[in-house]
C-alpha atoms as a PDB file:
ATOM      1  CA  MET A   1      92.285 105.194 116.381  1.00  0.00           C
ATOM      2  CA  ILE A   2      92.157 105.414 112.606  1.00  0.00           C
ATOM      3  CA  GLY A   3      91.688 102.263 110.513  1.00  0.00           C
ATOM      4  CA  ILE A   4      92.810 101.843 106.909  1.00  0.00           C
ATOM      5  CA  ASP A   5      92.029  99.106 104.395  1.00  0.00           C
ATOM      6  CA  GLU A   6      91.830  98.616 100.648  1.00  0.00           C
ATOM      7  CA  ALA A   7      90.006  96.774  97.886  1.00  0.00           C
ATOM      8  CA  GLY A   8      90.939  95.793  94.347  1.00  0.00           C
ATOM      9  CA  ARG A   9      94.624  95.070  94.815  1.00  0.00           C
ATOM     10  CA  GLY A  10      94.651  91.715  93.001  1.00  0.00           C
ATOM     11  CA  SER A  11      92.095  92.540  90.334  1.00  0.00           C
ATOM     12  CA  LEU A  12      92.837  92.520  86.601  1.00  0.00           C
ATOM     13  CA  ALA A  13      90.290  95.278  86.031  1.00  0.00           C
ATOM     14  CA  GLY A  14      88.973  98.442  87.576  1.00  0.00           C
ATOM     15  CA  GLY A  15      90.240 100.718  90.261  1.00  0.00           C
ATOM     16  CA  PHE A  16      92.140 100.290  93.491  1.00  0.00           C
ATOM     17  CA  TYR A  17      90.484 101.833  96.558  1.00  0.00           C
ATOM     18  CA  ILE A  18      92.150 102.679  99.861  1.00  0.00           C
ATOM     19  CA  VAL A  19      90.048 104.075 102.700  1.00  0.00           C
ATOM     20  CA  GLY A  20      90.827 105.619 106.092  1.00  0.00           C
ATOM     21  CA  VAL A  21      88.190 105.819 108.842  1.00  0.00           C
ATOM     22  CA  LYS A  22      87.912 107.603 112.174  1.00  0.00           C
ATOM     23  CA  VAL A  23      84.759 106.801 114.169  1.00  0.00           C
ATOM     24  CA  LEU A  24      83.549 109.966 115.897  1.00  0.00           C
ATOM     25  CA  ASP A  25      80.712 108.300 117.815  1.00  0.00           C
ATOM     26  CA  LYS A  26      81.168 104.707 119.041  1.00  0.00           C
ATOM     27  CA  SER A  27      77.399 104.158 119.040  1.00  0.00           C
ATOM     28  CA  ILE A  28      77.716 103.800 115.239  1.00  0.00           C
ATOM     29  CA  ILE A  29      79.576 100.544 115.880  1.00  0.00           C
ATOM     30  CA  GLU A  30      77.434  99.431 118.801  1.00  0.00           C
ATOM     31  CA  ASN A  31      74.197  99.824 116.822  1.00  0.00           C
ATOM     32  CA  CYS A  32      75.256  97.682 113.840  1.00  0.00           C
ATOM     33  CA  SER A  33      76.155  94.047 114.493  1.00  0.00           C
ATOM     34  CA  LEU A  34      77.132  93.533 110.833  1.00  0.00           C
ATOM     35  CA  ILE A  35      80.263  95.677 111.170  1.00  0.00           C
ATOM     36  CA  ARG A  36      82.908  92.983 111.003  1.00  0.00           C
ATOM     37  CA  ASP A  37      85.415  91.406 108.636  1.00  0.00           C
ATOM     38  CA  SER A  38      83.993  92.203 105.189  1.00  0.00           C
ATOM     39  CA  LYS A  39      85.146  88.839 103.842  1.00  0.00           C
ATOM     40  CA  LYS A  40      82.604  87.229 106.185  1.00  0.00           C
ATOM     41  CA  LEU A  41      79.757  89.355 104.819  1.00  0.00           C
ATOM     42  CA  SER A  42      77.710  88.710 101.709  1.00  0.00           C
ATOM     43  CA  LYS A  43      77.489  91.419  99.082  1.00  0.00           C
ATOM     44  CA  LYS A  44      73.951  92.175 100.282  1.00  0.00           C
ATOM     45  CA  GLN A  45      75.150  92.524 103.873  1.00  0.00           C
ATOM     46  CA  ARG A  46      78.033  94.802 102.846  1.00  0.00           C
ATOM     47  CA  ASN A  47      75.596  97.032 100.959  1.00  0.00           C
ATOM     48  CA  LYS A  48      73.332  97.137 104.005  1.00  0.00           C
ATOM     49  CA  VAL A  49      76.218  98.268 106.217  1.00  0.00           C
ATOM     50  CA  TYR A  50      77.328 100.788 103.590  1.00  0.00           C
ATOM     51  CA  ASP A  51      73.825 102.312 103.483  1.00  0.00           C
ATOM     52  CA  TYR A  52      73.805 102.450 107.297  1.00  0.00           C
ATOM     53  CA  LEU A  53      77.178 104.221 107.300  1.00  0.00           C
ATOM     54  CA  GLN A  54      75.959 106.671 104.666  1.00  0.00           C
ATOM     55  CA  LYS A  55      72.974 107.564 106.844  1.00  0.00           C
ATOM     56  CA  ASN A  56      75.324 108.146 109.778  1.00  0.00           C
ATOM     57  CA  LYS A  57      78.188 109.781 107.890  1.00  0.00           C
ATOM     58  CA  ASN A  58      78.207 112.793 110.222  1.00  0.00           C
ATOM     59  CA  PHE A  59      79.546 110.469 112.926  1.00  0.00           C
ATOM     60  CA  LEU A  60      82.449 109.254 110.790  1.00  0.00           C
ATOM     61  CA  ASP A  61      85.472 110.883 109.233  1.00  0.00           C
ATOM     62  CA  VAL A  62      86.187 108.978 106.013  1.00  0.00           C
ATOM     63  CA  LYS A  63      88.936 109.694 103.503  1.00  0.00           C
ATOM     64  CA  ILE A  64      88.992 107.753 100.209  1.00  0.00           C
ATOM     65  CA  TYR A  65      91.663 107.433  97.548  1.00  0.00           C
ATOM     66  CA  LYS A  66      90.814 105.755  94.278  1.00  0.00           C
ATOM     67  CA  TYR A  67      93.314 104.951  91.547  1.00  0.00           C
ATOM     68  CA  SER A  68      92.307 104.037  88.016  1.00  0.00           C
ATOM     69  CA  ALA A  69      93.641 101.150  85.934  1.00  0.00           C
ATOM     70  CA  GLU A  70      95.751 103.691  84.002  1.00  0.00           C
ATOM     71  CA  GLN A  71      97.282 105.074  87.202  1.00  0.00           C
ATOM     72  CA  ILE A  72      98.055 101.554  88.415  1.00  0.00           C
ATOM     73  CA  ASP A  73      99.794 100.808  85.111  1.00  0.00           C
ATOM     74  CA  LYS A  74     101.740 104.064  85.209  1.00  0.00           C
ATOM     75  CA  TYR A  75     102.898 104.121  88.828  1.00  0.00           C
ATOM     76  CA  GLY A  76     102.531 100.571  90.170  1.00  0.00           C
ATOM     77  CA  LEU A  77     100.658  99.486  93.267  1.00  0.00           C
ATOM     78  CA  SER A  78     103.557  99.876  95.707  1.00  0.00           C
ATOM     79  CA  LEU A  79     103.993 103.558  94.883  1.00  0.00           C
ATOM     80  CA  LEU A  80     100.228 104.143  95.074  1.00  0.00           C
ATOM     81  CA  TYR A  81     100.112 102.443  98.474  1.00  0.00           C
ATOM     82  CA  LYS A  82     102.924 104.675  99.700  1.00  0.00           C
ATOM     83  CA  HIS A  83     101.291 107.797  98.274  1.00  0.00           C
ATOM     84  CA  SER A  84      97.867 107.115  99.760  1.00  0.00           C
ATOM     85  CA  LEU A  85      99.190 106.000 103.162  1.00  0.00           C
ATOM     86  CA  THR A  86     101.301 109.173 103.363  1.00  0.00           C
ATOM     87  CA  LYS A  87      98.307 111.353 102.432  1.00  0.00           C
ATOM     88  CA  LEU A  88      96.038 109.531 104.896  1.00  0.00           C
ATOM     89  CA  LYS A  89      98.618 109.912 107.675  1.00  0.00           C
ATOM     90  CA  ASP A  90      98.951 113.644 106.980  1.00  0.00           C
ATOM     91  CA  TYR A  91      95.177 114.120 106.844  1.00  0.00           C
ATOM     92  CA  PHE A  92      94.372 112.275 110.068  1.00  0.00           C
ATOM     93  CA  ASN A  93      97.434 113.516 112.002  1.00  0.00           C
ATOM     94  CA  PHE A  94      96.430 117.099 111.234  1.00  0.00           C
ATOM     95  CA  LYS A  95      92.896 116.546 112.571  1.00  0.00           C
ATOM     96  CA  TYR A  96      93.556 114.014 115.352  1.00  0.00           C
ATOM     97  CA  LYS A  97      97.124 114.532 116.532  1.00  0.00           C
ATOM     98  CA  GLY A  98      98.465 111.555 118.438  1.00  0.00           C
ATOM     99  CA  GLU A  99      95.823 109.069 117.264  1.00  0.00           C
ATOM    100  CA  LYS A 100      97.143 105.632 116.349  1.00  0.00           C
ATOM    101  CA  ILE A 101      96.783 104.785 112.642  1.00  0.00           C
ATOM    102  CA  ILE A 102      96.535 101.086 111.763  1.00  0.00           C
ATOM    103  CA  PHE A 103      96.630  99.609 108.268  1.00  0.00           C
ATOM    104  CA  ASP A 104      95.349  96.109 107.548  1.00  0.00           C
ATOM    105  CA  GLY A 105      98.300  94.023 106.378  1.00  0.00           C
ATOM    106  CA  ASN A 106     101.915  93.274 107.162  1.00  0.00           C
ATOM    107  CA  THR A 107     103.720  96.270 105.649  1.00  0.00           C
ATOM    108  CA  ASN A 108     103.391 100.047 105.843  1.00  0.00           C
ATOM    109  CA  TYR A 109     105.235 100.533 102.522  1.00  0.00           C
ATOM    110  CA  GLY A 110     107.918 102.587 104.265  1.00  0.00           C
ATOM    111  CA  VAL A 111     105.511 105.184 105.671  1.00  0.00           C
ATOM    112  CA  SER A 112     106.563 105.928 109.248  1.00  0.00           C
ATOM    113  CA  GLY A 113     103.721 106.494 111.687  1.00  0.00           C
ATOM    114  CA  ILE A 114     101.519 103.857 110.039  1.00  0.00           C
ATOM    115  CA  ASN A 115     101.119 100.742 112.176  1.00  0.00           C
ATOM    116  CA  VAL A 116     100.110  97.415 110.629  1.00  0.00           C
ATOM    117  CA  ALA A 117      97.880  94.568 111.780  1.00  0.00           C
ATOM    118  CA  VAL A 118      97.529  91.233 110.005  1.00  0.00           C
ATOM    119  CA  ARG A 119      93.801  90.370 109.827  1.00  0.00           C
ATOM    120  CA  GLY A 120      93.116  93.866 111.101  1.00  0.00           C
ATOM    121  CA  GLU A 121      89.477  93.638 109.966  1.00  0.00           C
ATOM    122  CA  GLU A 122      88.892  91.048 112.691  1.00  0.00           C
ATOM    123  CA  LYS A 123      90.609  93.107 115.392  1.00  0.00           C
ATOM    124  CA  TYR A 124      89.479  96.684 114.774  1.00  0.00           C
ATOM    125  CA  LYS A 125      86.010  97.899 113.810  1.00  0.00           C
ATOM    126  CA  GLU A 126      87.503 100.977 112.142  1.00  0.00           C
ATOM    127  CA  ILE A 127      89.438  98.748 109.738  1.00  0.00           C
ATOM    128  CA  ALA A 128      86.320  96.638 109.135  1.00  0.00           C
ATOM    129  CA  ILE A 129      84.400  99.806 108.215  1.00  0.00           C
ATOM    130  CA  ALA A 130      87.199 100.952 105.880  1.00  0.00           C
ATOM    131  CA  SER A 131      87.191  97.550 104.211  1.00  0.00           C
ATOM    132  CA  ILE A 132      83.423  97.506 103.729  1.00  0.00           C
ATOM    133  CA  ILE A 133      83.445 100.987 102.193  1.00  0.00           C
ATOM    134  CA  ALA A 134      86.330 100.114  99.850  1.00  0.00           C
ATOM    135  CA  LYS A 135      84.750  96.833  98.738  1.00  0.00           C
ATOM    136  CA  VAL A 136      81.315  98.365  98.109  1.00  0.00           C
ATOM    137  CA  LEU A 137      82.805 101.203  96.042  1.00  0.00           C
ATOM    138  CA  ARG A 138      84.767  98.703  93.975  1.00  0.00           C
ATOM    139  CA  ASP A 139      81.689  96.494  93.533  1.00  0.00           C
ATOM    140  CA  LYS A 140      79.754  99.511  92.252  1.00  0.00           C
ATOM    141  CA  GLU A 141      82.460 100.102  89.651  1.00  0.00           C
ATOM    142  CA  ILE A 142      82.352  96.458  88.518  1.00  0.00           C
ATOM    143  CA  GLU A 143      78.536  96.653  88.283  1.00  0.00           C
ATOM    144  CA  LYS A 144      79.002  99.452  85.775  1.00  0.00           C
ATOM    145  CA  TYR A 145      81.272  97.221  83.672  1.00  0.00           C
ATOM    146  CA  LYS A 146      78.714  94.395  83.839  1.00  0.00           C
ATOM    147  CA  ASN A 147      76.233  96.701  82.128  1.00  0.00           C
ATOM    148  CA  LEU A 148      78.700  98.133  79.603  1.00  0.00           C
ATOM    149  CA  TYR A 149      80.586  94.941  78.708  1.00  0.00           C
ATOM    150  CA  PRO A 150      78.370  91.944  79.564  1.00  0.00           C
ATOM    151  CA  GLU A 151      80.282  89.689  77.164  1.00  0.00           C
ATOM    152  CA  TYR A 152      83.150  89.509  79.721  1.00  0.00           C
ATOM    153  CA  LEU A 153      80.905  87.613  82.185  1.00  0.00           C
ATOM    154  CA  TRP A 154      81.823  89.789  85.196  1.00  0.00           C
ATOM    155  CA  GLU A 155      79.423  87.929  87.480  1.00  0.00           C
ATOM    156  CA  LYS A 156      81.727  84.894  87.234  1.00  0.00           C
ATOM    157  CA  HIS A 157      84.965  86.650  88.239  1.00  0.00           C
ATOM    158  CA  ASN A 158      84.190  90.197  89.489  1.00  0.00           C
ATOM    159  CA  GLY A 159      87.310  91.448  87.721  1.00  0.00           C
ATOM    160  CA  TYR A 160      89.724  89.060  89.422  1.00  0.00           C
ATOM    161  CA  PRO A 161      92.075  86.654  87.592  1.00  0.00           C
ATOM    162  CA  GLN A 162      89.846  83.582  87.420  1.00  0.00           C
ATOM    163  CA  ASN A 163      90.362  81.421  84.350  1.00  0.00           C
ATOM    164  CA  ILE A 164      87.090  82.561  82.756  1.00  0.00           C
ATOM    165  CA  HIS A 165      88.242  86.176  82.944  1.00  0.00           C
ATOM    166  CA  LYS A 166      91.624  85.362  81.411  1.00  0.00           C
ATOM    167  CA  GLU A 167      89.871  83.418  78.650  1.00  0.00           C
ATOM    168  CA  LYS A 168      87.575  86.358  77.892  1.00  0.00           C
ATOM    169  CA  ILE A 169      90.531  88.761  77.740  1.00  0.00           C
ATOM    170  CA  LYS A 170      92.297  86.399  75.354  1.00  0.00           C
ATOM    171  CA  GLU A 171      89.146  86.047  73.212  1.00  0.00           C
ATOM    172  CA  LEU A 172      87.943  89.659  73.223  1.00  0.00           C
ATOM    173  CA  GLY A 173      91.025  91.698  74.152  1.00  0.00           C
ATOM    174  CA  TYR A 174      91.493  94.038  77.062  1.00  0.00           C
ATOM    175  CA  ILE A 175      89.185  97.029  77.540  1.00  0.00           C
ATOM    176  CA  LYS A 176      91.030 100.345  77.477  1.00  0.00           C
ATOM    177  CA  GLY A 177      90.591 102.184  80.746  1.00  0.00           C
ATOM    178  CA  VAL A 178      89.189  99.101  82.449  1.00  0.00           C
ATOM    179  CA  HIS A 179      91.830  96.368  82.343  1.00  0.00           C
ATOM    180  CA  ARG A 180      95.226  96.850  83.925  1.00  0.00           C
ATOM    181  CA  LYS A 181      97.701  96.487  81.087  1.00  0.00           C
ATOM    182  CA  SER A 182     100.709  95.929  83.364  1.00  0.00           C
ATOM    183  CA  TRP A 183      99.445  92.566  84.605  1.00  0.00           C
ATOM    184  CA  LYS A 184     101.292  89.500  83.364  1.00  0.00           C
ATOM    185  CA  ILE A 185      98.782  86.704  82.931  1.00  0.00           C
ATOM    186  CA  TRP A 186      99.338  83.036  82.198  1.00  0.00           C
ATOM    187  CA  LEU A 187      97.067  81.973  79.355  1.00  0.00           C
ATOM    188  CA  GLU A 188      97.314  78.354  78.228  1.00  0.00           C
ATOM    189  CA  GLY A 189     100.950  78.151  79.313  1.00  0.00           C
ATOM    190  CA  ILE A 190     102.011  81.342  77.503  1.00  0.00           C
ATOM    191  CA  ILE A 191     102.875  84.468  79.474  1.00  0.00           C
ATOM    192  CA  TRP A 192     100.975  87.419  78.074  1.00  0.00           C
ATOM    193  CA  ASN A 193     102.092  90.928  78.849  1.00  0.00           C
ATOM    194  CA  VAL A 194      99.851  93.508  77.211  1.00  0.00           C
ATOM    195  CA  LEU A 195     102.513  96.191  77.584  1.00  0.00           C
ATOM    196  CA  ASN A 196     104.338  94.502  74.696  1.00  0.00           C
END
């Protein structure tokens, strides 16, 4: 089977990553007990698994789509989901005809041939691997912003809409190319839409 998962959907900043994984050698899974639901792993553990997967990348077929904040603003997440799921289906169907493709979640965004599984990370190791890869890549992007824009206190929110992040955006403004301008954010009871 092929597993698909994503990272960065609900973030106010940075990219959105969607990853498809086909495991070519099951021993990759058997030899790493940390391959499981990425939400149950620490950042250190996720990085350890990611490094392990990198060392064994010849035994995996991984396809990654990454969309920037500008692309998210321009096209919207639903369209980007549909685009990437369609491309992943075409890619994996061409190479592994007849293989089941399962996406973590409850909708396939209208892409026929994509099955869905709620809490798929817990049920399928391929989805767990896809999730770990997506989350580590997104974390690496946020690390870059921590170094470039430390005044936004990334370590306290990791780009997500915690109050401290909203306060920093209100105080300092959004960062072009980093923050998603299409987000509507409640700040002190006032809706703020940076598209206006």
